[in-house]
Amino acid sequence: MTEPTWQPSATPDTLRRRARLLADIRAFFAGRDVLEADVPALSAAAAQEPQLDSLACGDVGWLHTSPEFGLKRLLAAGIGPVYQLSHVFRAGETGRWHNPEFSMLEWYRPGWGYPAVLAETEALLVELGAPPLARVGFDEVFTRLTGLDWRRAGADELQQRAARAGLVPESEPAGLDDARRFEFWLDALVGLVLGPDLGQSAPCAVCDWPPSLAGLTQIGPGAQPVAERFEIYWQGVELANGGTELTDAATLRERFDRDAATRRALGKPCPPVDRALPAAMDAGLPDCAGVALGVDRLLALLLGFDSLAPALPFAADRA
C-alpha cells in the first residue's frame, strides 16, 4: 500500500495568494455593509436538485451543498444584506475542476433583482483581478452552439444532438416522463456543449434561462417567460450562478416535490426534504437576489492553473 503524501497540493506562494483572496473578498463586502454570516454546515435535510448529491453523516444529518437555505432563513428573520464564505460538500464530485469539499462564496441582497446583483458580481471579480464580464442571452448562445431552438426542440432532438457530439451515450435513465427527459437532455447540453466553449478571453455571463432550469430563482412574466438567473463561465469553467430569488413557499414546495420525483426516476437516493426554508418563506422572505461563486475555481483561473487541485491546500487525494 502506498503511503499518502503529507505535502500540500498548493505551493506556499499559492497559499499566501489564497489568503489574500479571502481577505479581499471580506474587505469588498465590508466596504458595502454586507454582513458576514456563519450558518451550520450540518443539517437534518438536504438539497433535492437532481444534479447534486449530498454527503450523509450517518444518523447525524447531511453536509450542506451550499449555505443557501440558512442564509435565506436569516433574510426572512430580517438580517439584511448577508454573505458567507464557507466550505461546502458534494458527493461524487472528484475531477479536474471538482473536489468533494470546496470553498463557496454566497451572498444575498434584499430588494435587488438579478441585473443589480450581476453588476455587483462583475465589480467583485474585477476587484479580485478578473477582466470585465461579457454578457449573452441563453437563447442566443444555445442556438449558436447547438443549432437548436430550445423552445421548439423536443427531448428526442436534444438527445440526438448530444449523441452527435459524442459527449453522452445515446441511452438515457429509465423512468423519465417527457418533461423530465427534456430537462435531462437540456441540462446535459448546457454542461457539456455550452460551458466548455464560453468565457475564453473574459468571464461570460449567460442570462435569462429556460424555466425548467430555474432552480430556486424566479420565472419572469411574459409570453415567453424565462428564469431570472445567470451563470458565469470563464475559460470554459462554470464560476458562479445567481438570480432573482424565488420567495413563494407554495412554488418552492412544488419544485422540491418535482426534484424529489426526478431523483427517484433517476434511481438516486432521496434525502429528507427541507421544511425550514418553506416555513421561512411563509413568514416572509423579502424580495432579493443572490449569487454563489466557487472560490477555489476563481483562484485557479486567476493564477492560470488548468485544474482545481493546485489551488487547494489539500485536494481530496491528500486530505
C-alpha atoms as a PDB file:
ATOM      1  CA  MET A   1       0.000   0.000   0.000  1.00  0.00           C
ATOM      2  CA  THR A   2       1.365   3.403  -0.998  1.00  0.00           C
ATOM      3  CA  GLU A   3       1.685   5.863   1.851  1.00  0.00           C
ATOM      4  CA  PRO A   4      -0.248   9.113   1.224  1.00  0.00           C
ATOM      5  CA  THR A   5       1.865  12.215   0.825  1.00  0.00           C
ATOM      6  CA  TRP A   6       1.825  14.672   3.691  1.00  0.00           C
ATOM      7  CA  GLN A   7       2.602  17.604   1.426  1.00  0.00           C
ATOM      8  CA  PRO A   8       0.024  20.252   0.432  1.00  0.00           C
ATOM      9  CA  SER A   9      -1.459  20.379  -3.047  1.00  0.00           C
ATOM     10  CA  ALA A  10      -0.723  24.115  -3.253  1.00  0.00           C
ATOM     11  CA  THR A  11       2.642  25.839  -3.051  1.00  0.00           C
ATOM     12  CA  PRO A  12       3.389  28.312  -0.238  1.00  0.00           C
ATOM     13  CA  ASP A  13       3.075  31.200  -2.709  1.00  0.00           C
ATOM     14  CA  THR A  14      -0.369  29.957  -3.780  1.00  0.00           C
ATOM     15  CA  LEU A  15      -1.465  29.564  -0.172  1.00  0.00           C
ATOM     16  CA  ARG A  16      -0.436  33.149   0.521  1.00  0.00           C
ATOM     17  CA  ARG A  17      -2.324  34.293  -2.587  1.00  0.00           C
ATOM     18  CA  ARG A  18      -5.335  32.305  -1.375  1.00  0.00           C
ATOM     19  CA  ALA A  19      -5.242  34.064   1.988  1.00  0.00           C
ATOM     20  CA  ARG A  20      -5.129  37.461   0.258  1.00  0.00           C
ATOM     21  CA  LEU A  21      -8.080  36.494  -1.946  1.00  0.00           C
ATOM     22  CA  LEU A  22     -10.211  35.597   1.080  1.00  0.00           C
ATOM     23  CA  ALA A  23      -9.202  38.834   2.812  1.00  0.00           C
ATOM     24  CA  ASP A  24     -10.010  40.857  -0.319  1.00  0.00           C
ATOM     25  CA  ILE A  25     -13.459  39.260  -0.585  1.00  0.00           C
ATOM     26  CA  ARG A  26     -14.209  40.140   3.023  1.00  0.00           C
ATOM     27  CA  ALA A  27     -12.950  43.692   2.509  1.00  0.00           C
ATOM     28  CA  PHE A  28     -15.172  44.095  -0.567  1.00  0.00           C
ATOM     29  CA  PHE A  29     -18.319  43.190   1.356  1.00  0.00           C
ATOM     30  CA  ALA A  30     -17.313  45.087   4.482  1.00  0.00           C
ATOM     31  CA  GLY A  31     -16.996  48.198   2.304  1.00  0.00           C
ATOM     32  CA  ARG A  32     -20.552  47.640   1.102  1.00  0.00           C
ATOM     33  CA  ASP A  33     -22.056  46.966   4.564  1.00  0.00           C
ATOM     34  CA  VAL A  34     -22.861  43.322   3.821  1.00  0.00           C
ATOM     35  CA  LEU A  35     -22.792  41.210   6.993  1.00  0.00           C
ATOM     36  CA  GLU A  36     -20.737  38.010   7.156  1.00  0.00           C
ATOM     37  CA  ALA A  37     -22.761  35.035   8.444  1.00  0.00           C
ATOM     38  CA  ASP A  38     -21.765  31.566   9.623  1.00  0.00           C
ATOM     39  CA  VAL A  39     -24.704  29.177   9.186  1.00  0.00           C
ATOM     40  CA  PRO A  40     -24.222  25.474  10.040  1.00  0.00           C
ATOM     41  CA  ALA A  41     -22.733  23.062   7.516  1.00  0.00           C
ATOM     42  CA  LEU A  42     -24.665  20.138   9.031  1.00  0.00           C
ATOM     43  CA  SER A  43     -28.427  19.925   8.578  1.00  0.00           C
ATOM     44  CA  ALA A  44     -31.283  17.496   9.171  1.00  0.00           C
ATOM     45  CA  ALA A  45     -32.329  17.941   5.498  1.00  0.00           C
ATOM     46  CA  ALA A  46     -30.507  18.148   2.175  1.00  0.00           C
ATOM     47  CA  ALA A  47     -30.735  19.652  -1.289  1.00  0.00           C
ATOM     48  CA  GLN A  48     -33.108  17.958  -3.729  1.00  0.00           C
ATOM     49  CA  GLU A  49     -31.635  19.109  -7.064  1.00  0.00           C
ATOM     50  CA  PRO A  50     -31.215  16.032  -9.284  1.00  0.00           C
ATOM     51  CA  GLN A  51     -27.719  17.079 -10.376  1.00  0.00           C
ATOM     52  CA  LEU A  52     -26.416  17.377  -6.779  1.00  0.00           C
ATOM     53  CA  ASP A  53     -25.716  14.637  -4.270  1.00  0.00           C
ATOM     54  CA  SER A  54     -25.295  15.465  -0.596  1.00  0.00           C
ATOM     55  CA  LEU A  55     -22.857  13.790   1.768  1.00  0.00           C
ATOM     56  CA  ALA A  56     -24.543  11.965   4.655  1.00  0.00           C
ATOM     57  CA  CYS A  57     -23.021  11.948   8.146  1.00  0.00           C
ATOM     58  CA  GLY A  58     -24.516   8.739   9.458  1.00  0.00           C
ATOM     59  CA  ASP A  59     -27.531   9.396  11.649  1.00  0.00           C
ATOM     60  CA  VAL A  60     -26.390  12.949  12.437  1.00  0.00           C
ATOM     61  CA  GLY A  61     -27.538  14.692   9.254  1.00  0.00           C
ATOM     62  CA  TRP A  62     -26.290  15.959   5.906  1.00  0.00           C
ATOM     63  CA  LEU A  63     -23.455  18.289   4.982  1.00  0.00           C
ATOM     64  CA  HIS A  64     -24.746  21.237   3.004  1.00  0.00           C
ATOM     65  CA  THR A  65     -24.090  21.662  -0.715  1.00  0.00           C
ATOM     66  CA  SER A  66     -24.300  25.435  -0.173  1.00  0.00           C
ATOM     67  CA  PRO A  67     -25.264  27.796   2.683  1.00  0.00           C
ATOM     68  CA  GLU A  68     -28.319  28.959   0.687  1.00  0.00           C
ATOM     69  CA  PHE A  69     -31.080  27.651   2.941  1.00  0.00           C
ATOM     70  CA  GLY A  70     -29.554  29.025   6.137  1.00  0.00           C
ATOM     71  CA  LEU A  71     -28.819  32.426   4.613  1.00  0.00           C
ATOM     72  CA  LYS A  72     -32.367  32.751   3.277  1.00  0.00           C
ATOM     73  CA  ARG A  73     -33.750  31.920   6.717  1.00  0.00           C
ATOM     74  CA  LEU A  74     -31.596  34.765   8.091  1.00  0.00           C
ATOM     75  CA  LEU A  75     -33.034  37.062   5.417  1.00  0.00           C
ATOM     76  CA  ALA A  76     -36.561  36.119   6.499  1.00  0.00           C
ATOM     77  CA  ALA A  77     -35.558  36.993  10.074  1.00  0.00           C
ATOM     78  CA  GLY A  78     -34.561  40.494   8.939  1.00  0.00           C
ATOM     79  CA  ILE A  79     -30.762  40.219   8.857  1.00  0.00           C
ATOM     80  CA  GLY A  80     -30.409  42.436   5.759  1.00  0.00           C
ATOM     81  CA  PRO A  81     -27.632  42.046   3.155  1.00  0.00           C
ATOM     82  CA  VAL A  82     -25.619  38.954   4.052  1.00  0.00           C
ATOM     83  CA  TYR A  83     -22.819  36.749   2.753  1.00  0.00           C
ATOM     84  CA  GLN A  84     -20.917  33.645   3.759  1.00  0.00           C
ATOM     85  CA  LEU A  85     -17.503  32.227   2.871  1.00  0.00           C
ATOM     86  CA  SER A  86     -17.606  28.553   3.763  1.00  0.00           C
ATOM     87  CA  HIS A  87     -16.679  25.010   2.863  1.00  0.00           C
ATOM     88  CA  VAL A  88     -19.436  23.057   1.142  1.00  0.00           C
ATOM     89  CA  PHE A  89     -19.672  19.368   0.292  1.00  0.00           C
ATOM     90  CA  ARG A  90     -20.914  17.308  -2.645  1.00  0.00           C
ATOM     91  CA  ALA A  91     -20.774  13.570  -3.081  1.00  0.00           C
ATOM     92  CA  GLY A  92     -19.329  12.106  -6.263  1.00  0.00           C
ATOM     93  CA  GLU A  93     -17.599  15.318  -7.345  1.00  0.00           C
ATOM     94  CA  THR A  94     -13.946  14.497  -7.891  1.00  0.00           C
ATOM     95  CA  GLY A  95     -12.134  15.509 -11.054  1.00  0.00           C
ATOM     96  CA  ARG A  96     -10.189  18.180 -12.848  1.00  0.00           C
ATOM     97  CA  TRP A  97     -12.458  21.023 -11.697  1.00  0.00           C
ATOM     98  CA  HIS A  98     -14.256  19.237  -8.841  1.00  0.00           C
ATOM     99  CA  ASN A  99     -13.466  18.323  -5.261  1.00  0.00           C
ATOM    100  CA  PRO A 100     -15.941  16.852  -2.755  1.00  0.00           C
ATOM    101  CA  GLU A 101     -15.094  19.671  -0.312  1.00  0.00           C
ATOM    102  CA  PHE A 102     -14.605  23.161  -1.686  1.00  0.00           C
ATOM    103  CA  SER A 103     -14.962  26.841  -0.769  1.00  0.00           C
ATOM    104  CA  MET A 104     -18.031  28.808  -1.798  1.00  0.00           C
ATOM    105  CA  LEU A 105     -18.891  32.479  -1.541  1.00  0.00           C
ATOM    106  CA  GLU A 106     -22.626  33.110  -1.413  1.00  0.00           C
ATOM    107  CA  TRP A 107     -24.421  36.402  -0.845  1.00  0.00           C
ATOM    108  CA  TYR A 108     -27.914  37.905  -0.929  1.00  0.00           C
ATOM    109  CA  ARG A 109     -29.219  41.421  -1.462  1.00  0.00           C
ATOM    110  CA  PRO A 110     -32.754  42.227  -0.220  1.00  0.00           C
ATOM    111  CA  GLY A 111     -34.696  44.473  -2.578  1.00  0.00           C
ATOM    112  CA  TRP A 112     -32.443  43.741  -5.546  1.00  0.00           C
ATOM    113  CA  GLY A 113     -33.127  41.950  -8.838  1.00  0.00           C
ATOM    114  CA  TYR A 114     -30.603  39.974 -10.794  1.00  0.00           C
ATOM    115  CA  PRO A 115     -29.307  42.808 -13.040  1.00  0.00           C
ATOM    116  CA  ALA A 116     -28.106  44.658  -9.931  1.00  0.00           C
ATOM    117  CA  VAL A 117     -26.504  41.623  -8.324  1.00  0.00           C
ATOM    118  CA  LEU A 118     -24.884  40.674 -11.642  1.00  0.00           C
ATOM    119  CA  ALA A 119     -23.318  44.157 -11.771  1.00  0.00           C
ATOM    120  CA  GLU A 120     -22.044  43.670  -8.221  1.00  0.00           C
ATOM    121  CA  THR A 121     -20.609  40.284  -9.183  1.00  0.00           C
ATOM    122  CA  GLU A 122     -18.709  41.933 -12.011  1.00  0.00           C
ATOM    123  CA  ALA A 123     -17.402  44.623  -9.637  1.00  0.00           C
ATOM    124  CA  LEU A 124     -16.192  41.920  -7.248  1.00  0.00           C
ATOM    125  CA  LEU A 125     -14.479  39.891  -9.979  1.00  0.00           C
ATOM    126  CA  VAL A 126     -12.724  42.961 -11.374  1.00  0.00           C
ATOM    127  CA  GLU A 127     -11.636  43.955  -7.861  1.00  0.00           C
ATOM    128  CA  LEU A 128     -10.130  40.487  -7.449  1.00  0.00           C
ATOM    129  CA  GLY A 129      -8.220  40.659 -10.742  1.00  0.00           C
ATOM    130  CA  ALA A 130     -10.520  39.226 -13.419  1.00  0.00           C
ATOM    131  CA  PRO A 131     -11.429  41.014 -16.682  1.00  0.00           C
ATOM    132  CA  PRO A 132     -14.848  42.712 -17.032  1.00  0.00           C
ATOM    133  CA  LEU A 133     -17.794  40.469 -17.897  1.00  0.00           C
ATOM    134  CA  ALA A 134     -19.193  39.777 -21.319  1.00  0.00           C
ATOM    135  CA  ARG A 135     -22.968  39.155 -21.364  1.00  0.00           C
ATOM    136  CA  VAL A 136     -25.056  36.960 -23.656  1.00  0.00           C
ATOM    137  CA  GLY A 137     -28.622  35.638 -23.637  1.00  0.00           C
ATOM    138  CA  PHE A 138     -29.219  31.922 -23.188  1.00  0.00           C
ATOM    139  CA  ASP A 139     -31.320  31.739 -26.364  1.00  0.00           C
ATOM    140  CA  GLU A 140     -28.536  33.201 -28.486  1.00  0.00           C
ATOM    141  CA  VAL A 141     -25.680  31.095 -27.149  1.00  0.00           C
ATOM    142  CA  PHE A 142     -27.673  27.844 -27.087  1.00  0.00           C
ATOM    143  CA  THR A 143     -28.687  28.210 -30.742  1.00  0.00           C
ATOM    144  CA  ARG A 144     -25.166  29.229 -31.777  1.00  0.00           C
ATOM    145  CA  LEU A 145     -23.501  26.255 -30.114  1.00  0.00           C
ATOM    146  CA  THR A 146     -26.098  23.528 -30.685  1.00  0.00           C
ATOM    147  CA  GLY A 147     -28.000  24.679 -33.773  1.00  0.00           C
ATOM    148  CA  LEU A 148     -31.282  24.168 -31.893  1.00  0.00           C
ATOM    149  CA  ASP A 149     -34.035  26.425 -30.576  1.00  0.00           C
ATOM    150  CA  TRP A 150     -34.707  25.033 -27.103  1.00  0.00           C
ATOM    151  CA  ARG A 151     -38.247  26.455 -27.162  1.00  0.00           C
ATOM    152  CA  ARG A 152     -39.130  24.352 -30.212  1.00  0.00           C
ATOM    153  CA  ALA A 153     -36.929  21.304 -29.769  1.00  0.00           C
ATOM    154  CA  GLY A 154     -38.231  18.155 -28.123  1.00  0.00           C
ATOM    155  CA  ALA A 155     -36.395  15.721 -25.908  1.00  0.00           C
ATOM    156  CA  ASP A 156     -35.539  13.459 -28.871  1.00  0.00           C
ATOM    157  CA  GLU A 157     -33.839  16.310 -30.745  1.00  0.00           C
ATOM    158  CA  LEU A 158     -31.845  17.287 -27.688  1.00  0.00           C
ATOM    159  CA  GLN A 159     -30.800  13.672 -27.146  1.00  0.00           C
ATOM    160  CA  GLN A 160     -29.744  13.267 -30.775  1.00  0.00           C
ATOM    161  CA  ARG A 161     -27.714  16.492 -30.640  1.00  0.00           C
ATOM    162  CA  ALA A 162     -25.908  15.253 -27.540  1.00  0.00           C
ATOM    163  CA  ALA A 163     -25.210  11.900 -29.188  1.00  0.00           C
ATOM    164  CA  ARG A 164     -23.846  13.575 -32.348  1.00  0.00           C
ATOM    165  CA  ALA A 165     -21.419  15.500 -30.199  1.00  0.00           C
ATOM    166  CA  GLY A 166     -20.194  12.198 -28.800  1.00  0.00           C
ATOM    167  CA  LEU A 167     -20.381  13.611 -25.321  1.00  0.00           C
ATOM    168  CA  VAL A 168     -23.011  11.380 -23.749  1.00  0.00           C
ATOM    169  CA  PRO A 169     -24.345   7.919 -24.543  1.00  0.00           C
ATOM    170  CA  GLU A 170     -27.420   7.621 -26.693  1.00  0.00           C
ATOM    171  CA  SER A 171     -29.214   5.812 -23.856  1.00  0.00           C
ATOM    172  CA  GLU A 172     -30.871   7.704 -21.007  1.00  0.00           C
ATOM    173  CA  PRO A 173     -32.045   6.851 -17.497  1.00  0.00           C
ATOM    174  CA  ALA A 174     -35.244   4.815 -17.475  1.00  0.00           C
ATOM    175  CA  GLY A 175     -38.446   6.094 -15.912  1.00  0.00           C
ATOM    176  CA  LEU A 176     -38.360   9.722 -17.054  1.00  0.00           C
ATOM    177  CA  ASP A 177     -41.535  11.247 -18.467  1.00  0.00           C
ATOM    178  CA  ASP A 178     -41.376  13.580 -21.483  1.00  0.00           C
ATOM    179  CA  ALA A 179     -40.908  16.751 -19.414  1.00  0.00           C
ATOM    180  CA  ARG A 180     -38.106  15.228 -17.348  1.00  0.00           C
ATOM    181  CA  ARG A 181     -36.443  13.800 -20.469  1.00  0.00           C
ATOM    182  CA  PHE A 182     -36.430  17.309 -21.928  1.00  0.00           C
ATOM    183  CA  GLU A 183     -34.870  18.731 -18.752  1.00  0.00           C
ATOM    184  CA  PHE A 184     -32.306  15.927 -18.583  1.00  0.00           C
ATOM    185  CA  TRP A 185     -31.007  16.442 -22.122  1.00  0.00           C
ATOM    186  CA  LEU A 186     -31.217  20.237 -21.968  1.00  0.00           C
ATOM    187  CA  ASP A 187     -29.110  20.224 -18.823  1.00  0.00           C
ATOM    188  CA  ALA A 188     -26.669  17.766 -20.418  1.00  0.00           C
ATOM    189  CA  LEU A 189     -26.164  20.038 -23.423  1.00  0.00           C
ATOM    190  CA  VAL A 190     -25.643  23.057 -21.177  1.00  0.00           C
ATOM    191  CA  GLY A 191     -22.944  21.300 -19.169  1.00  0.00           C
ATOM    192  CA  LEU A 192     -21.184  19.511 -21.999  1.00  0.00           C
ATOM    193  CA  VAL A 193     -21.584  21.792 -25.026  1.00  0.00           C
ATOM    194  CA  LEU A 194     -22.209  25.347 -23.822  1.00  0.00           C
ATOM    195  CA  GLY A 195     -19.984  25.602 -20.770  1.00  0.00           C
ATOM    196  CA  PRO A 196     -16.636  24.472 -22.237  1.00  0.00           C
ATOM    197  CA  ASP A 197     -16.923  26.967 -25.118  1.00  0.00           C
ATOM    198  CA  LEU A 198     -17.659  30.065 -23.054  1.00  0.00           C
ATOM    199  CA  GLY A 199     -15.564  32.808 -21.478  1.00  0.00           C
ATOM    200  CA  GLN A 200     -12.269  32.012 -23.156  1.00  0.00           C
ATOM    201  CA  SER A 201     -10.976  35.605 -23.199  1.00  0.00           C
ATOM    202  CA  ALA A 202     -13.042  37.057 -20.328  1.00  0.00           C
ATOM    203  CA  PRO A 203     -15.737  35.835 -17.940  1.00  0.00           C
ATOM    204  CA  CYS A 204     -19.088  35.477 -19.720  1.00  0.00           C
ATOM    205  CA  ALA A 205     -22.488  35.783 -18.034  1.00  0.00           C
ATOM    206  CA  VAL A 206     -25.230  33.751 -19.721  1.00  0.00           C
ATOM    207  CA  CYS A 207     -28.563  35.393 -18.812  1.00  0.00           C
ATOM    208  CA  ASP A 208     -32.294  34.531 -18.939  1.00  0.00           C
ATOM    209  CA  TRP A 209     -32.512  30.747 -18.666  1.00  0.00           C
ATOM    210  CA  PRO A 210     -35.245  28.250 -19.598  1.00  0.00           C
ATOM    211  CA  PRO A 211     -37.868  27.958 -16.834  1.00  0.00           C
ATOM    212  CA  SER A 212     -37.125  24.234 -16.467  1.00  0.00           C
ATOM    213  CA  LEU A 213     -33.604  25.195 -15.315  1.00  0.00           C
ATOM    214  CA  ALA A 214     -34.756  27.894 -12.889  1.00  0.00           C
ATOM    215  CA  GLY A 215     -33.506  26.150  -9.762  1.00  0.00           C
ATOM    216  CA  LEU A 216     -34.677  28.362  -6.880  1.00  0.00           C
ATOM    217  CA  THR A 217     -34.940  31.574  -8.917  1.00  0.00           C
ATOM    218  CA  GLN A 218     -37.976  33.488 -10.133  1.00  0.00           C
ATOM    219  CA  ILE A 219     -39.596  32.898 -13.504  1.00  0.00           C
ATOM    220  CA  GLY A 220     -40.414  36.237 -15.093  1.00  0.00           C
ATOM    221  CA  PRO A 221     -43.719  37.212 -16.716  1.00  0.00           C
ATOM    222  CA  GLY A 222     -44.435  37.426 -20.431  1.00  0.00           C
ATOM    223  CA  ALA A 223     -45.485  35.381 -23.418  1.00  0.00           C
ATOM    224  CA  GLN A 224     -42.082  33.678 -23.476  1.00  0.00           C
ATOM    225  CA  PRO A 225     -41.101  33.541 -19.793  1.00  0.00           C
ATOM    226  CA  VAL A 226     -37.535  32.920 -18.696  1.00  0.00           C
ATOM    227  CA  ALA A 227     -35.853  32.204 -15.390  1.00  0.00           C
ATOM    228  CA  GLU A 228     -34.343  35.396 -13.996  1.00  0.00           C
ATOM    229  CA  ARG A 229     -30.927  33.872 -13.481  1.00  0.00           C
ATOM    230  CA  PHE A 230     -27.411  33.878 -14.888  1.00  0.00           C
ATOM    231  CA  GLU A 231     -24.377  31.624 -14.944  1.00  0.00           C
ATOM    232  CA  ILE A 232     -20.833  32.917 -15.337  1.00  0.00           C
ATOM    233  CA  TYR A 233     -18.227  30.919 -17.243  1.00  0.00           C
ATOM    234  CA  TRP A 234     -14.527  31.695 -17.506  1.00  0.00           C
ATOM    235  CA  GLN A 235     -12.086  29.719 -19.631  1.00  0.00           C
ATOM    236  CA  GLY A 236     -14.792  27.119 -20.134  1.00  0.00           C
ATOM    237  CA  VAL A 237     -15.320  26.628 -16.389  1.00  0.00           C
ATOM    238  CA  GLU A 238     -18.559  27.409 -14.554  1.00  0.00           C
ATOM    239  CA  LEU A 239     -17.562  30.004 -11.972  1.00  0.00           C
ATOM    240  CA  ALA A 240     -20.779  31.445 -10.500  1.00  0.00           C
ATOM    241  CA  ASN A 241     -24.545  31.468 -10.761  1.00  0.00           C
ATOM    242  CA  GLY A 242     -27.167  33.830  -9.427  1.00  0.00           C
ATOM    243  CA  GLY A 243     -30.523  35.401  -9.975  1.00  0.00           C
ATOM    244  CA  THR A 244     -33.690  36.899  -8.578  1.00  0.00           C
ATOM    245  CA  GLU A 245     -34.653  34.513  -5.813  1.00  0.00           C
ATOM    246  CA  LEU A 246     -37.909  32.615  -5.511  1.00  0.00           C
ATOM    247  CA  THR A 247     -39.907  33.854  -2.498  1.00  0.00           C
ATOM    248  CA  ASP A 248     -43.200  31.951  -2.838  1.00  0.00           C
ATOM    249  CA  ALA A 249     -43.389  28.975  -0.473  1.00  0.00           C
ATOM    250  CA  ALA A 250     -46.041  27.072  -2.451  1.00  0.00           C
ATOM    251  CA  THR A 251     -43.909  27.199  -5.600  1.00  0.00           C
ATOM    252  CA  LEU A 252     -40.855  26.142  -3.608  1.00  0.00           C
ATOM    253  CA  ARG A 253     -42.674  23.100  -2.247  1.00  0.00           C
ATOM    254  CA  GLU A 254     -43.776  22.180  -5.774  1.00  0.00           C
ATOM    255  CA  ARG A 255     -40.192  22.393  -7.015  1.00  0.00           C
ATOM    256  CA  PHE A 256     -38.933  20.319  -4.084  1.00  0.00           C
ATOM    257  CA  ASP A 257     -41.544  17.652  -4.850  1.00  0.00           C
ATOM    258  CA  ARG A 258     -40.697  17.678  -8.540  1.00  0.00           C
ATOM    259  CA  ASP A 259     -36.969  17.401  -7.895  1.00  0.00           C
ATOM    260  CA  ALA A 260     -37.527  14.522  -5.470  1.00  0.00           C
ATOM    261  CA  ALA A 261     -39.646  12.722  -8.073  1.00  0.00           C
ATOM    262  CA  THR A 262     -36.888  13.213 -10.665  1.00  0.00           C
ATOM    263  CA  ARG A 263     -34.318  11.814  -8.246  1.00  0.00           C
ATOM    264  CA  ARG A 264     -36.475   8.724  -7.749  1.00  0.00           C
ATOM    265  CA  ALA A 265     -36.878   8.311 -11.523  1.00  0.00           C
ATOM    266  CA  LEU A 266     -33.080   8.554 -11.902  1.00  0.00           C
ATOM    267  CA  GLY A 267     -32.589   5.945  -9.197  1.00  0.00           C
ATOM    268  CA  LYS A 268     -30.887   8.421  -6.878  1.00  0.00           C
ATOM    269  CA  PRO A 269     -31.317   8.494  -3.099  1.00  0.00           C
ATOM    270  CA  CYS A 270     -33.862  10.976  -1.775  1.00  0.00           C
ATOM    271  CA  PRO A 271     -32.627  12.715   1.379  1.00  0.00           C
ATOM    272  CA  PRO A 272     -35.063  14.411   3.761  1.00  0.00           C
ATOM    273  CA  VAL A 273     -36.752  17.471   2.255  1.00  0.00           C
ATOM    274  CA  ASP A 274     -36.017  20.773   3.972  1.00  0.00           C
ATOM    275  CA  ARG A 275     -39.080  22.175   5.756  1.00  0.00           C
ATOM    276  CA  ALA A 276     -37.495  25.206   7.392  1.00  0.00           C
ATOM    277  CA  LEU A 277     -36.972  27.231   4.217  1.00  0.00           C
ATOM    278  CA  PRO A 278     -40.605  26.990   3.043  1.00  0.00           C
ATOM    279  CA  ALA A 279     -41.662  27.982   6.573  1.00  0.00           C
ATOM    280  CA  ALA A 280     -39.334  30.995   6.368  1.00  0.00           C
ATOM    281  CA  MET A 281     -40.934  31.949   3.055  1.00  0.00           C
ATOM    282  CA  ASP A 282     -44.371  31.620   4.618  1.00  0.00           C
ATOM    283  CA  ALA A 283     -43.207  34.018   7.328  1.00  0.00           C
ATOM    284  CA  GLY A 284     -41.933  36.491   4.729  1.00  0.00           C
ATOM    285  CA  LEU A 285     -38.730  36.083   2.765  1.00  0.00           C
ATOM    286  CA  PRO A 286     -38.104  39.539   1.254  1.00  0.00           C
ATOM    287  CA  ASP A 287     -37.654  40.052  -2.460  1.00  0.00           C
ATOM    288  CA  CYS A 288     -33.958  39.511  -3.049  1.00  0.00           C
ATOM    289  CA  ALA A 289     -31.232  38.453  -5.448  1.00  0.00           C
ATOM    290  CA  GLY A 290     -28.266  36.211  -4.719  1.00  0.00           C
ATOM    291  CA  VAL A 291     -25.081  34.707  -6.117  1.00  0.00           C
ATOM    292  CA  ALA A 292     -22.975  31.614  -5.421  1.00  0.00           C
ATOM    293  CA  LEU A 293     -19.338  31.687  -6.565  1.00  0.00           C
ATOM    294  CA  GLY A 294     -16.668  28.967  -6.479  1.00  0.00           C
ATOM    295  CA  VAL A 295     -13.688  30.498  -4.661  1.00  0.00           C
ATOM    296  CA  ASP A 296     -11.198  27.711  -5.427  1.00  0.00           C
ATOM    297  CA  ARG A 297     -12.065  27.841  -9.132  1.00  0.00           C
ATOM    298  CA  LEU A 298     -11.654  31.609  -9.157  1.00  0.00           C
ATOM    299  CA  LEU A 299      -8.213  31.355  -7.580  1.00  0.00           C
ATOM    300  CA  ALA A 300      -7.140  28.635 -10.008  1.00  0.00           C
ATOM    301  CA  LEU A 301      -8.273  30.672 -13.007  1.00  0.00           C
ATOM    302  CA  LEU A 302      -6.658  33.884 -11.729  1.00  0.00           C
ATOM    303  CA  LEU A 303      -3.350  32.028 -11.363  1.00  0.00           C
ATOM    304  CA  GLY A 304      -3.580  30.283 -14.734  1.00  0.00           C
ATOM    305  CA  PHE A 305      -3.909  26.741 -13.394  1.00  0.00           C
ATOM    306  CA  ASP A 306      -5.531  24.094 -15.594  1.00  0.00           C
ATOM    307  CA  SER A 307      -7.198  22.253 -12.706  1.00  0.00           C
ATOM    308  CA  LEU A 308      -8.521  22.837  -9.204  1.00  0.00           C
ATOM    309  CA  ALA A 309      -6.022  20.846  -7.129  1.00  0.00           C
ATOM    310  CA  PRO A 310      -3.105  23.356  -7.194  1.00  0.00           C
ATOM    311  CA  ALA A 311      -5.413  26.000  -5.684  1.00  0.00           C
ATOM    312  CA  LEU A 312      -6.394  23.794  -2.713  1.00  0.00           C
ATOM    313  CA  PRO A 313      -4.382  23.392   0.488  1.00  0.00           C
ATOM    314  CA  PHE A 314      -5.085  19.641   0.335  1.00  0.00           C
ATOM    315  CA  ALA A 315      -7.042  18.160  -2.584  1.00  0.00           C
ATOM    316  CA  ALA A 316      -9.190  15.081  -1.974  1.00  0.00           C
ATOM    317  CA  ASP A 317      -6.345  12.629  -2.616  1.00  0.00           C
ATOM    318  CA  ARG A 318      -4.272  14.321   0.109  1.00  0.00           C
ATOM    319  CA  ALA A 319      -6.961  15.287   2.610  1.00  0.00           C
END
